[in-house]
Amino acid sequence: GIVMVVHGADVLLGADHLKVFMMVLCLAADRANTAVDPDGDL
């Protein structure tokens, strides 16, 4: 397993859509981790 590192993340704190950004990262990682094969199986 790997870790994605975001350097200098301080600047994100004032972003209007910080929660959306965090959710997109998490959802993308989750989707990549649970992708299905062509038969629809994990």
PDB file of all heavy atoms in Angstrom:
ATOM      1  N   GLY A   1       0.821  -1.198   0.000  1.00  0.00           N
ATOM      2  CA  GLY A   1       0.000   0.000   0.000  1.00  0.00           C
ATOM      3  C   GLY A   1       0.858   1.251   0.000  1.00  0.00           C
ATOM      4  O   GLY A   1       1.970   1.257   0.526  1.00  0.00           O
ATOM      5  N   ILE A   2       0.353   2.312  -0.601  1.00  0.00           N
ATOM      6  CA  ILE A   2       1.112   3.552  -0.684  1.00  0.00           C
ATOM      7  C   ILE A   2       0.400   4.680   0.049  1.00  0.00           C
ATOM      8  O   ILE A   2      -0.776   4.571   0.379  1.00  0.00           O
ATOM      9  CB  ILE A   2       1.382   3.967  -2.142  1.00  0.00           C
ATOM     10  CG1 ILE A   2       0.074   4.262  -2.871  1.00  0.00           C
ATOM     11  CG2 ILE A   2       2.173   2.904  -2.876  1.00  0.00           C
ATOM     12  CD1 ILE A   2       0.271   4.902  -4.219  1.00  0.00           C
ATOM     13  N   VAL A   3       1.115   5.749   0.289  1.00  0.00           N
ATOM     14  CA  VAL A   3       0.599   6.949   0.923  1.00  0.00           C
ATOM     15  C   VAL A   3       0.802   8.098  -0.047  1.00  0.00           C
ATOM     16  O   VAL A   3       1.883   8.275  -0.584  1.00  0.00           O
ATOM     17  CB  VAL A   3       1.361   7.237   2.244  1.00  0.00           C
ATOM     18  CG1 VAL A   3       0.892   8.546   2.855  1.00  0.00           C
ATOM     19  CG2 VAL A   3       1.200   6.082   3.214  1.00  0.00           C
ATOM     20  N   MET A   4      -0.242   8.883  -0.275  1.00  0.00           N
ATOM     21  CA  MET A   4      -0.129  10.086  -1.096  1.00  0.00           C
ATOM     22  C   MET A   4       0.186  11.245  -0.152  1.00  0.00           C
ATOM     23  O   MET A   4      -0.539  11.477   0.804  1.00  0.00           O
ATOM     24  CB  MET A   4      -1.434  10.364  -1.835  1.00  0.00           C
ATOM     25  CG  MET A   4      -1.921   9.222  -2.716  1.00  0.00           C
ATOM     26  SD  MET A   4      -0.917   8.936  -4.163  1.00  0.00           S
ATOM     27  CE  MET A   4      -1.437  10.280  -5.189  1.00  0.00           C
ATOM     28  N   VAL A   5       1.283  11.967  -0.410  1.00  0.00           N
ATOM     29  CA  VAL A   5       1.723  13.058   0.463  1.00  0.00           C
ATOM     30  C   VAL A   5       1.464  14.402  -0.219  1.00  0.00           C
ATOM     31  O   VAL A   5       1.839  14.602  -1.372  1.00  0.00           O
ATOM     32  CB  VAL A   5       3.229  12.917   0.799  1.00  0.00           C
ATOM     33  CG1 VAL A   5       3.693  14.075   1.673  1.00  0.00           C
ATOM     34  CG2 VAL A   5       3.492  11.576   1.480  1.00  0.00           C
ATOM     35  N   VAL A   6       0.816  15.323   0.516  1.00  0.00           N
ATOM     36  CA  VAL A   6       0.558  16.678   0.032  1.00  0.00           C
ATOM     37  C   VAL A   6       1.434  17.618   0.859  1.00  0.00           C
ATOM     38  O   VAL A   6       1.212  17.800   2.061  1.00  0.00           O
ATOM     39  CB  VAL A   6      -0.928  17.056   0.182  1.00  0.00           C
ATOM     40  CG1 VAL A   6      -1.167  18.481  -0.293  1.00  0.00           C
ATOM     41  CG2 VAL A   6      -1.813  16.069  -0.563  1.00  0.00           C
ATOM     42  N   HIS A   7       2.456  18.196   0.226  1.00  0.00           N
ATOM     43  CA  HIS A   7       3.363  19.123   0.899  1.00  0.00           C
ATOM     44  C   HIS A   7       2.755  20.526   0.922  1.00  0.00           C
ATOM     45  O   HIS A   7       2.049  20.919   0.008  1.00  0.00           O
ATOM     46  CB  HIS A   7       4.705  19.185   0.164  1.00  0.00           C
ATOM     47  CG  HIS A   7       5.479  17.914   0.234  1.00  0.00           C
ATOM     48  ND1 HIS A   7       6.346  17.630   1.254  1.00  0.00           N
ATOM     49  CD2 HIS A   7       5.489  16.833  -0.583  1.00  0.00           C
ATOM     50  CE1 HIS A   7       6.870  16.440   1.051  1.00  0.00           C
ATOM     51  NE2 HIS A   7       6.363  15.934  -0.055  1.00  0.00           N
ATOM     52  N   GLY A   8       3.048  21.304   1.950  1.00  0.00           N
ATOM     53  CA  GLY A   8       2.580  22.694   2.027  1.00  0.00           C
ATOM     54  C   GLY A   8       1.073  22.809   2.025  1.00  0.00           C
ATOM     55  O   GLY A   8       0.515  23.730   1.436  1.00  0.00           O
ATOM     56  N   ALA A   9       0.397  21.889   2.690  1.00  0.00           N
ATOM     57  CA  ALA A   9      -1.070  21.839   2.657  1.00  0.00           C
ATOM     58  C   ALA A   9      -1.728  23.005   3.389  1.00  0.00           C
ATOM     59  O   ALA A   9      -2.943  23.177   3.284  1.00  0.00           O
ATOM     60  CB  ALA A   9      -1.550  20.516   3.230  1.00  0.00           C
ATOM     61  N   ASP A  10      -0.946  23.816   4.091  1.00  0.00           N
ATOM     62  CA  ASP A  10      -1.499  24.965   4.817  1.00  0.00           C
ATOM     63  C   ASP A  10      -2.382  25.838   3.932  1.00  0.00           C
ATOM     64  O   ASP A  10      -3.416  26.320   4.374  1.00  0.00           O
ATOM     65  CB  ASP A  10      -0.378  25.866   5.358  1.00  0.00           C
ATOM     66  CG  ASP A  10       0.635  25.122   6.167  1.00  0.00           C
ATOM     67  OD1 ASP A  10       1.402  24.349   5.572  1.00  0.00           O
ATOM     68  OD2 ASP A  10       0.661  25.325   7.385  1.00  0.00           O
ATOM     69  N   VAL A  11      -1.950  26.045   2.693  1.00  0.00           N
ATOM     70  CA  VAL A  11      -2.667  26.959   1.797  1.00  0.00           C
ATOM     71  C   VAL A  11      -4.073  26.466   1.479  1.00  0.00           C
ATOM     72  O   VAL A  11      -4.924  27.246   1.080  1.00  0.00           O
ATOM     73  CB  VAL A  11      -1.884  27.207   0.490  1.00  0.00           C
ATOM     74  CG1 VAL A  11      -0.559  27.880   0.782  1.00  0.00           C
ATOM     75  CG2 VAL A  11      -1.684  25.926  -0.290  1.00  0.00           C
ATOM     76  N   LEU A  12      -4.329  25.196   1.677  1.00  0.00           N
ATOM     77  CA  LEU A  12      -5.657  24.653   1.397  1.00  0.00           C
ATOM     78  C   LEU A  12      -6.689  25.046   2.448  1.00  0.00           C
ATOM     79  O   LEU A  12      -7.885  25.023   2.182  1.00  0.00           O
ATOM     80  CB  LEU A  12      -5.600  23.126   1.308  1.00  0.00           C
ATOM     81  CG  LEU A  12      -4.747  22.545   0.195  1.00  0.00           C
ATOM     82  CD1 LEU A  12      -4.646  21.037   0.341  1.00  0.00           C
ATOM     83  CD2 LEU A  12      -5.326  22.922  -1.151  1.00  0.00           C
ATOM     84  N   LEU A  13      -6.231  25.404   3.646  1.00  0.00           N
ATOM     85  CA  LEU A  13      -7.146  25.687   4.749  1.00  0.00           C
ATOM     86  C   LEU A  13      -8.125  26.801   4.422  1.00  0.00           C
ATOM     87  O   LEU A  13      -9.276  26.733   4.800  1.00  0.00           O
ATOM     88  CB  LEU A  13      -6.376  26.007   6.034  1.00  0.00           C
ATOM     89  CG  LEU A  13      -7.224  26.123   7.307  1.00  0.00           C
ATOM     90  CD1 LEU A  13      -8.021  24.843   7.533  1.00  0.00           C
ATOM     91  CD2 LEU A  13      -6.351  26.409   8.505  1.00  0.00           C
ATOM     92  N   GLY A  14      -7.725  27.786   3.670  1.00  0.00           N
ATOM     93  CA  GLY A  14      -8.615  28.884   3.322  1.00  0.00           C
ATOM     94  C   GLY A  14      -9.428  28.653   2.063  1.00  0.00           C
ATOM     95  O   GLY A  14     -10.221  29.502   1.675  1.00  0.00           O
ATOM     96  N   ALA A  15      -9.274  27.513   1.422  1.00  0.00           N
ATOM     97  CA  ALA A  15      -9.980  27.241   0.161  1.00  0.00           C
ATOM     98  C   ALA A  15     -11.481  27.111   0.400  1.00  0.00           C
ATOM     99  O   ALA A  15     -11.916  26.542   1.398  1.00  0.00           O
ATOM    100  CB  ALA A  15      -9.444  25.972  -0.480  1.00  0.00           C
ATOM    101  N   ASP A  16     -12.273  27.644  -0.539  1.00  0.00           N
ATOM    102  CA  ASP A  16     -13.728  27.603  -0.422  1.00  0.00           C
ATOM    103  C   ASP A  16     -14.278  26.174  -0.393  1.00  0.00           C
ATOM    104  O   ASP A  16     -15.279  25.910   0.247  1.00  0.00           O
ATOM    105  CB  ASP A  16     -14.383  28.358  -1.585  1.00  0.00           C
ATOM    106  CG  ASP A  16     -14.162  29.851  -1.501  1.00  0.00           C
ATOM    107  OD1 ASP A  16     -13.899  30.360  -0.389  1.00  0.00           O
ATOM    108  OD2 ASP A  16     -14.238  30.513  -2.548  1.00  0.00           O
ATOM    109  N   HIS A  17     -13.629  25.279  -1.105  1.00  0.00           N
ATOM    110  CA  HIS A  17     -14.166  23.926  -1.255  1.00  0.00           C
ATOM    111  C   HIS A  17     -13.211  22.873  -0.696  1.00  0.00           C
ATOM    112  O   HIS A  17     -13.052  21.800  -1.267  1.00  0.00           O
ATOM    113  CB  HIS A  17     -14.471  23.645  -2.725  1.00  0.00           C
ATOM    114  CG  HIS A  17     -15.436  24.619  -3.307  1.00  0.00           C
ATOM    115  ND1 HIS A  17     -16.764  24.658  -2.934  1.00  0.00           N
ATOM    116  CD2 HIS A  17     -15.275  25.617  -4.204  1.00  0.00           C
ATOM    117  CE1 HIS A  17     -17.376  25.619  -3.600  1.00  0.00           C
ATOM    118  NE2 HIS A  17     -16.495  26.218  -4.375  1.00  0.00           N
ATOM    119  N   LEU A  18     -12.615  23.156   0.447  1.00  0.00           N
ATOM    120  CA  LEU A  18     -11.658  22.222   1.038  1.00  0.00           C
ATOM    121  C   LEU A  18     -12.294  20.863   1.319  1.00  0.00           C
ATOM    122  O   LEU A  18     -11.719  19.825   1.001  1.00  0.00           O
ATOM    123  CB  LEU A  18     -11.058  22.805   2.313  1.00  0.00           C
ATOM    124  CG  LEU A  18     -10.086  21.893   3.069  1.00  0.00           C
ATOM    125  CD1 LEU A  18      -8.915  21.497   2.179  1.00  0.00           C
ATOM    126  CD2 LEU A  18      -9.605  22.574   4.341  1.00  0.00           C
ATOM    127  N   LYS A  19     -13.506  20.863   1.890  1.00  0.00           N
ATOM    128  CA  LYS A  19     -14.161  19.581   2.188  1.00  0.00           C
ATOM    129  C   LYS A  19     -14.443  18.797   0.911  1.00  0.00           C
ATOM    130  O   LYS A  19     -14.298  17.580   0.882  1.00  0.00           O
ATOM    131  CB  LYS A  19     -15.452  19.802   2.972  1.00  0.00           C
ATOM    132  CG  LYS A  19     -15.214  20.232   4.402  1.00  0.00           C
ATOM    133  CD  LYS A  19     -16.523  20.388   5.141  1.00  0.00           C
ATOM    134  CE  LYS A  19     -16.275  20.887   6.546  1.00  0.00           C
ATOM    135  NZ  LYS A  19     -17.516  21.046   7.300  1.00  0.00           N
ATOM    136  N   VAL A  20     -14.828  19.490  -0.141  1.00  0.00           N
ATOM    137  CA  VAL A  20     -15.087  18.818  -1.424  1.00  0.00           C
ATOM    138  C   VAL A  20     -13.788  18.223  -1.971  1.00  0.00           C
ATOM    139  O   VAL A  20     -13.761  17.084  -2.437  1.00  0.00           O
ATOM    140  CB  VAL A  20     -15.720  19.790  -2.444  1.00  0.00           C
ATOM    141  CG1 VAL A  20     -15.817  19.152  -3.819  1.00  0.00           C
ATOM    142  CG2 VAL A  20     -17.083  20.251  -1.962  1.00  0.00           C
ATOM    143  N   PHE A  21     -12.700  18.977  -1.888  1.00  0.00           N
ATOM    144  CA  PHE A  21     -11.398  18.488  -2.339  1.00  0.00           C
ATOM    145  C   PHE A  21     -11.009  17.224  -1.574  1.00  0.00           C
ATOM    146  O   PHE A  21     -10.589  16.225  -2.162  1.00  0.00           O
ATOM    147  CB  PHE A  21     -10.343  19.581  -2.146  1.00  0.00           C
ATOM    148  CG  PHE A  21      -8.938  19.134  -2.409  1.00  0.00           C
ATOM    149  CD1 PHE A  21      -8.512  18.842  -3.700  1.00  0.00           C
ATOM    150  CD2 PHE A  21      -8.034  19.005  -1.371  1.00  0.00           C
ATOM    151  CE1 PHE A  21      -7.213  18.427  -3.945  1.00  0.00           C
ATOM    152  CE2 PHE A  21      -6.730  18.595  -1.611  1.00  0.00           C
ATOM    153  CZ  PHE A  21      -6.326  18.304  -2.899  1.00  0.00           C
ATOM    154  N   MET A  22     -11.167  17.262  -0.255  1.00  0.00           N
ATOM    155  CA  MET A  22     -10.823  16.104   0.564  1.00  0.00           C
ATOM    156  C   MET A  22     -11.694  14.905   0.199  1.00  0.00           C
ATOM    157  O   MET A  22     -11.211  13.783   0.105  1.00  0.00           O
ATOM    158  CB  MET A  22     -10.974  16.439   2.048  1.00  0.00           C
ATOM    159  CG  MET A  22     -10.110  17.591   2.500  1.00  0.00           C
ATOM    160  SD  MET A  22      -8.371  17.298   2.300  1.00  0.00           S
ATOM    161  CE  MET A  22      -8.090  16.263   3.693  1.00  0.00           C
ATOM    162  N   MET A  23     -12.971  15.143  -0.018  1.00  0.00           N
ATOM    163  CA  MET A  23     -13.884  14.054  -0.362  1.00  0.00           C
ATOM    164  C   MET A  23     -13.530  13.468  -1.722  1.00  0.00           C
ATOM    165  O   MET A  23     -13.555  12.243  -1.902  1.00  0.00           O
ATOM    166  CB  MET A  23     -15.323  14.562  -0.363  1.00  0.00           C
ATOM    167  CG  MET A  23     -16.331  13.453  -0.529  1.00  0.00           C
ATOM    168  SD  MET A  23     -16.322  12.252   0.809  1.00  0.00           S
ATOM    169  CE  MET A  23     -16.871  13.254   2.151  1.00  0.00           C
ATOM    170  N   VAL A  24     -13.171  14.308  -2.690  1.00  0.00           N
ATOM    171  CA  VAL A  24     -12.780  13.812  -4.019  1.00  0.00           C
ATOM    172  C   VAL A  24     -11.545  12.927  -3.910  1.00  0.00           C
ATOM    173  O   VAL A  24     -11.492  11.849  -4.517  1.00  0.00           O
ATOM    174  CB  VAL A  24     -12.544  14.986  -5.004  1.00  0.00           C
ATOM    175  CG1 VAL A  24     -11.844  14.523  -6.257  1.00  0.00           C
ATOM    176  CG2 VAL A  24     -13.868  15.656  -5.348  1.00  0.00           C
ATOM    177  N   LEU A  25     -10.554  13.342  -3.137  1.00  0.00           N
ATOM    178  CA  LEU A  25      -9.365  12.509  -2.945  1.00  0.00           C
ATOM    179  C   LEU A  25      -9.738  11.162  -2.343  1.00  0.00           C
ATOM    180  O   LEU A  25      -9.309  10.108  -2.815  1.00  0.00           O
ATOM    181  CB  LEU A  25      -8.356  13.211  -2.046  1.00  0.00           C
ATOM    182  CG  LEU A  25      -7.652  14.445  -2.587  1.00  0.00           C
ATOM    183  CD1 LEU A  25      -6.718  15.014  -1.525  1.00  0.00           C
ATOM    184  CD2 LEU A  25      -6.895  14.137  -3.862  1.00  0.00           C
ATOM    185  N   CYS A  26     -10.544  11.200  -1.307  1.00  0.00           N
ATOM    186  CA  CYS A  26     -10.927   9.959  -0.635  1.00  0.00           C
ATOM    187  C   CYS A  26     -11.788   9.070  -1.518  1.00  0.00           C
ATOM    188  O   CYS A  26     -11.589   7.848  -1.560  1.00  0.00           O
ATOM    189  CB  CYS A  26     -11.664  10.277   0.665  1.00  0.00           C
ATOM    190  SG  CYS A  26     -10.629  11.023   1.932  1.00  0.00           S
ATOM    191  N   LEU A  27     -12.742   9.647  -2.226  1.00  0.00           N
ATOM    192  CA  LEU A  27     -13.590   8.853  -3.116  1.00  0.00           C
ATOM    193  C   LEU A  27     -12.794   8.248  -4.264  1.00  0.00           C
ATOM    194  O   LEU A  27     -13.019   7.098  -4.652  1.00  0.00           O
ATOM    195  CB  LEU A  27     -14.739   9.707  -3.669  1.00  0.00           C
ATOM    196  CG  LEU A  27     -15.841  10.024  -2.683  1.00  0.00           C
ATOM    197  CD1 LEU A  27     -16.779  11.077  -3.265  1.00  0.00           C
ATOM    198  CD2 LEU A  27     -16.608   8.776  -2.306  1.00  0.00           C
ATOM    199  N   ALA A  28     -11.875   9.026  -4.825  1.00  0.00           N
ATOM    200  CA  ALA A  28     -11.051   8.507  -5.920  1.00  0.00           C
ATOM    201  C   ALA A  28     -10.201   7.339  -5.435  1.00  0.00           C
ATOM    202  O   ALA A  28     -10.084   6.309  -6.119  1.00  0.00           O
ATOM    203  CB  ALA A  28     -10.165   9.609  -6.493  1.00  0.00           C
ATOM    204  N   ALA A  29      -9.614   7.470  -4.260  1.00  0.00           N
ATOM    205  CA  ALA A  29      -8.815   6.376  -3.707  1.00  0.00           C
ATOM    206  C   ALA A  29      -9.687   5.163  -3.435  1.00  0.00           C
ATOM    207  O   ALA A  29      -9.321   4.035  -3.769  1.00  0.00           O
ATOM    208  CB  ALA A  29      -8.113   6.826  -2.423  1.00  0.00           C
ATOM    209  N   ASP A  30     -10.862   5.384  -2.867  1.00  0.00           N
ATOM    210  CA  ASP A  30     -11.765   4.277  -2.577  1.00  0.00           C
ATOM    211  C   ASP A  30     -12.191   3.580  -3.857  1.00  0.00           C
ATOM    212  O   ASP A  30     -12.203   2.354  -3.937  1.00  0.00           O
ATOM    213  CB  ASP A  30     -12.989   4.789  -1.819  1.00  0.00           C
ATOM    214  CG  ASP A  30     -13.924   3.666  -1.448  1.00  0.00           C
ATOM    215  OD1 ASP A  30     -13.537   2.825  -0.604  1.00  0.00           O
ATOM    216  OD2 ASP A  30     -15.036   3.608  -2.004  1.00  0.00           O
ATOM    217  N   ARG A  31     -12.523   4.355  -4.867  1.00  0.00           N
ATOM    218  CA  ARG A  31     -12.965   3.782  -6.148  1.00  0.00           C
ATOM    219  C   ARG A  31     -11.833   2.982  -6.789  1.00  0.00           C
ATOM    220  O   ARG A  31     -12.047   1.892  -7.313  1.00  0.00           O
ATOM    221  CB  ARG A  31     -13.435   4.894  -7.085  1.00  0.00           C
ATOM    222  CG  ARG A  31     -13.846   4.431  -8.456  1.00  0.00           C
ATOM    223  CD  ARG A  31     -15.108   3.568  -8.387  1.00  0.00           C
ATOM    224  NE  ARG A  31     -15.502   3.185  -9.722  1.00  0.00           N
ATOM    225  CZ  ARG A  31     -15.195   2.019 -10.279  1.00  0.00           C
ATOM    226  NH1 ARG A  31     -14.504   1.134  -9.615  1.00  0.00           N
ATOM    227  NH2 ARG A  31     -15.585   1.742 -11.491  1.00  0.00           N
ATOM    228  N   ALA A  32     -10.622   3.495  -6.739  1.00  0.00           N
ATOM    229  CA  ALA A  32      -9.487   2.764  -7.304  1.00  0.00           C
ATOM    230  C   ALA A  32      -9.239   1.472  -6.541  1.00  0.00           C
ATOM    231  O   ALA A  32      -8.861   0.460  -7.130  1.00  0.00           O
ATOM    232  CB  ALA A  32      -8.233   3.639  -7.280  1.00  0.00           C
ATOM    233  N   ASN A  33      -9.476   1.491  -5.250  1.00  0.00           N
ATOM    234  CA  ASN A  33      -9.253   0.311  -4.421  1.00  0.00           C
ATOM    235  C   ASN A  33     -10.342  -0.748  -4.572  1.00  0.00           C
ATOM    236  O   ASN A  33     -10.127  -1.911  -4.271  1.00  0.00           O
ATOM    237  CB  ASN A  33      -9.145   0.694  -2.951  1.00  0.00           C
ATOM    238  CG  ASN A  33      -7.824   1.342  -2.640  1.00  0.00           C
ATOM    239  OD1 ASN A  33      -6.820   1.009  -3.225  1.00  0.00           O
ATOM    240  ND2 ASN A  33      -7.831   2.276  -1.717  1.00  0.00           N
ATOM    241  N   THR A  34     -11.528  -0.332  -4.995  1.00  0.00           N
ATOM    242  CA  THR A  34     -12.643  -1.274  -5.065  1.00  0.00           C
ATOM    243  C   THR A  34     -13.197  -1.414  -6.473  1.00  0.00           C
ATOM    244  O   THR A  34     -14.346  -1.786  -6.655  1.00  0.00           O
ATOM    245  CB  THR A  34     -13.779  -0.841  -4.114  1.00  0.00           C
ATOM    246  OG1 THR A  34     -14.209   0.470  -4.479  1.00  0.00           O
ATOM    247  CG2 THR A  34     -13.331  -0.866  -2.679  1.00  0.00           C
ATOM    248  N   ALA A  35     -12.385  -1.128  -7.475  1.00  0.00           N
ATOM    249  CA  ALA A  35     -12.830  -1.226  -8.863  1.00  0.00           C
ATOM    250  C   ALA A  35     -13.236  -2.658  -9.192  1.00  0.00           C
ATOM    251  O   ALA A  35     -12.732  -3.614  -8.624  1.00  0.00           O
ATOM    252  CB  ALA A  35     -11.728  -0.755  -9.806  1.00  0.00           C
ATOM    253  N   VAL A  36     -14.149  -2.784 -10.133  1.00  0.00           N
ATOM    254  CA  VAL A  36     -14.628  -4.106 -10.531  1.00  0.00           C
ATOM    255  C   VAL A  36     -14.016  -4.519 -11.857  1.00  0.00           C
ATOM    256  O   VAL A  36     -13.616  -3.684 -12.668  1.00  0.00           O
ATOM    257  CB  VAL A  36     -16.167  -4.128 -10.642  1.00  0.00           C
ATOM    258  CG1 VAL A  36     -16.798  -3.892  -9.282  1.00  0.00           C
ATOM    259  CG2 VAL A  36     -16.667  -3.114 -11.650  1.00  0.00           C
ATOM    260  N   ASP A  37     -13.964  -5.821 -12.079  1.00  0.00           N
ATOM    261  CA  ASP A  37     -13.462  -6.332 -13.346  1.00  0.00           C
ATOM    262  C   ASP A  37     -14.597  -6.314 -14.369  1.00  0.00           C
ATOM    263  O   ASP A  37     -15.735  -5.961 -14.039  1.00  0.00           O
ATOM    264  CB  ASP A  37     -12.851  -7.724 -13.171  1.00  0.00           C
ATOM    265  CG  ASP A  37     -13.866  -8.777 -12.784  1.00  0.00           C
ATOM    266  OD1 ASP A  37     -15.092  -8.576 -13.000  1.00  0.00           O
ATOM    267  OD2 ASP A  37     -13.445  -9.828 -12.268  1.00  0.00           O
ATOM    268  N   PRO A  38     -14.334  -6.686 -15.635  1.00  0.00           N
ATOM    269  CA  PRO A  38     -15.381  -6.636 -16.662  1.00  0.00           C
ATOM    270  C   PRO A  38     -16.611  -7.491 -16.341  1.00  0.00           C
ATOM    271  O   PRO A  38     -17.694  -7.250 -16.869  1.00  0.00           O
ATOM    272  CB  PRO A  38     -14.673  -7.152 -17.917  1.00  0.00           C
ATOM    273  CG  PRO A  38     -13.235  -6.806 -17.695  1.00  0.00           C
ATOM    274  CD  PRO A  38     -13.027  -6.978 -16.218  1.00  0.00           C
ATOM    275  N   ASP A  39     -16.475  -8.500 -15.484  1.00  0.00           N
ATOM    276  CA  ASP A  39     -17.623  -9.336 -15.105  1.00  0.00           C
ATOM    277  C   ASP A  39     -18.444  -8.726 -13.975  1.00  0.00           C
ATOM    278  O   ASP A  39     -19.445  -9.301 -13.557  1.00  0.00           O
ATOM    279  CB  ASP A  39     -17.143 -10.729 -14.673  1.00  0.00           C
ATOM    280  CG  ASP A  39     -16.488 -11.482 -15.816  1.00  0.00           C
ATOM    281  OD1 ASP A  39     -16.950 -11.336 -16.959  1.00  0.00           O
ATOM    282  OD2 ASP A  39     -15.507 -12.195 -15.551  1.00  0.00           O
ATOM    283  N   GLY A  40     -18.010  -7.596 -13.439  1.00  0.00           N
ATOM    284  CA  GLY A  40     -18.728  -6.957 -12.352  1.00  0.00           C
ATOM    285  C   GLY A  40     -18.304  -7.424 -10.980  1.00  0.00           C
ATOM    286  O   GLY A  40     -18.900  -7.048  -9.976  1.00  0.00           O
ATOM    287  N   ASP A  41     -17.276  -8.265 -10.914  1.00  0.00           N
ATOM    288  CA  ASP A  41     -16.781  -8.744  -9.633  1.00  0.00           C
ATOM    289  C   ASP A  41     -15.651  -7.830  -9.158  1.00  0.00           C
ATOM    290  O   ASP A  41     -14.914  -7.269  -9.970  1.00  0.00           O
ATOM    291  CB  ASP A  41     -16.230 -10.170  -9.764  1.00  0.00           C
ATOM    292  CG  ASP A  41     -17.310 -11.155 -10.171  1.00  0.00           C
ATOM    293  OD1 ASP A  41     -18.441 -11.037  -9.661  1.00  0.00           O
ATOM    294  OD2 ASP A  41     -17.021 -12.027 -11.016  1.00  0.00           O
ATOM    295  N   LEU A  42     -15.509  -7.716  -7.836  1.00  0.00           N
ATOM    296  CA  LEU A  42     -14.383  -6.951  -7.313  1.00  0.00           C
ATOM    297  C   LEU A  42     -13.087  -7.598  -7.775  1.00  0.00           C
ATOM    298  O   LEU A  42     -12.953  -8.819  -7.758  1.00  0.00           O
ATOM    299  CB  LEU A  42     -14.406  -6.909  -5.786  1.00  0.00           C
ATOM    300  CG  LEU A  42     -15.446  -6.007  -5.155  1.00  0.00           C
ATOM    301  CD1 LEU A  42     -15.392  -6.148  -3.643  1.00  0.00           C
ATOM    302  CD2 LEU A  42     -15.245  -4.567  -5.551  1.00  0.00           C
TER     303      LEU A  42
END
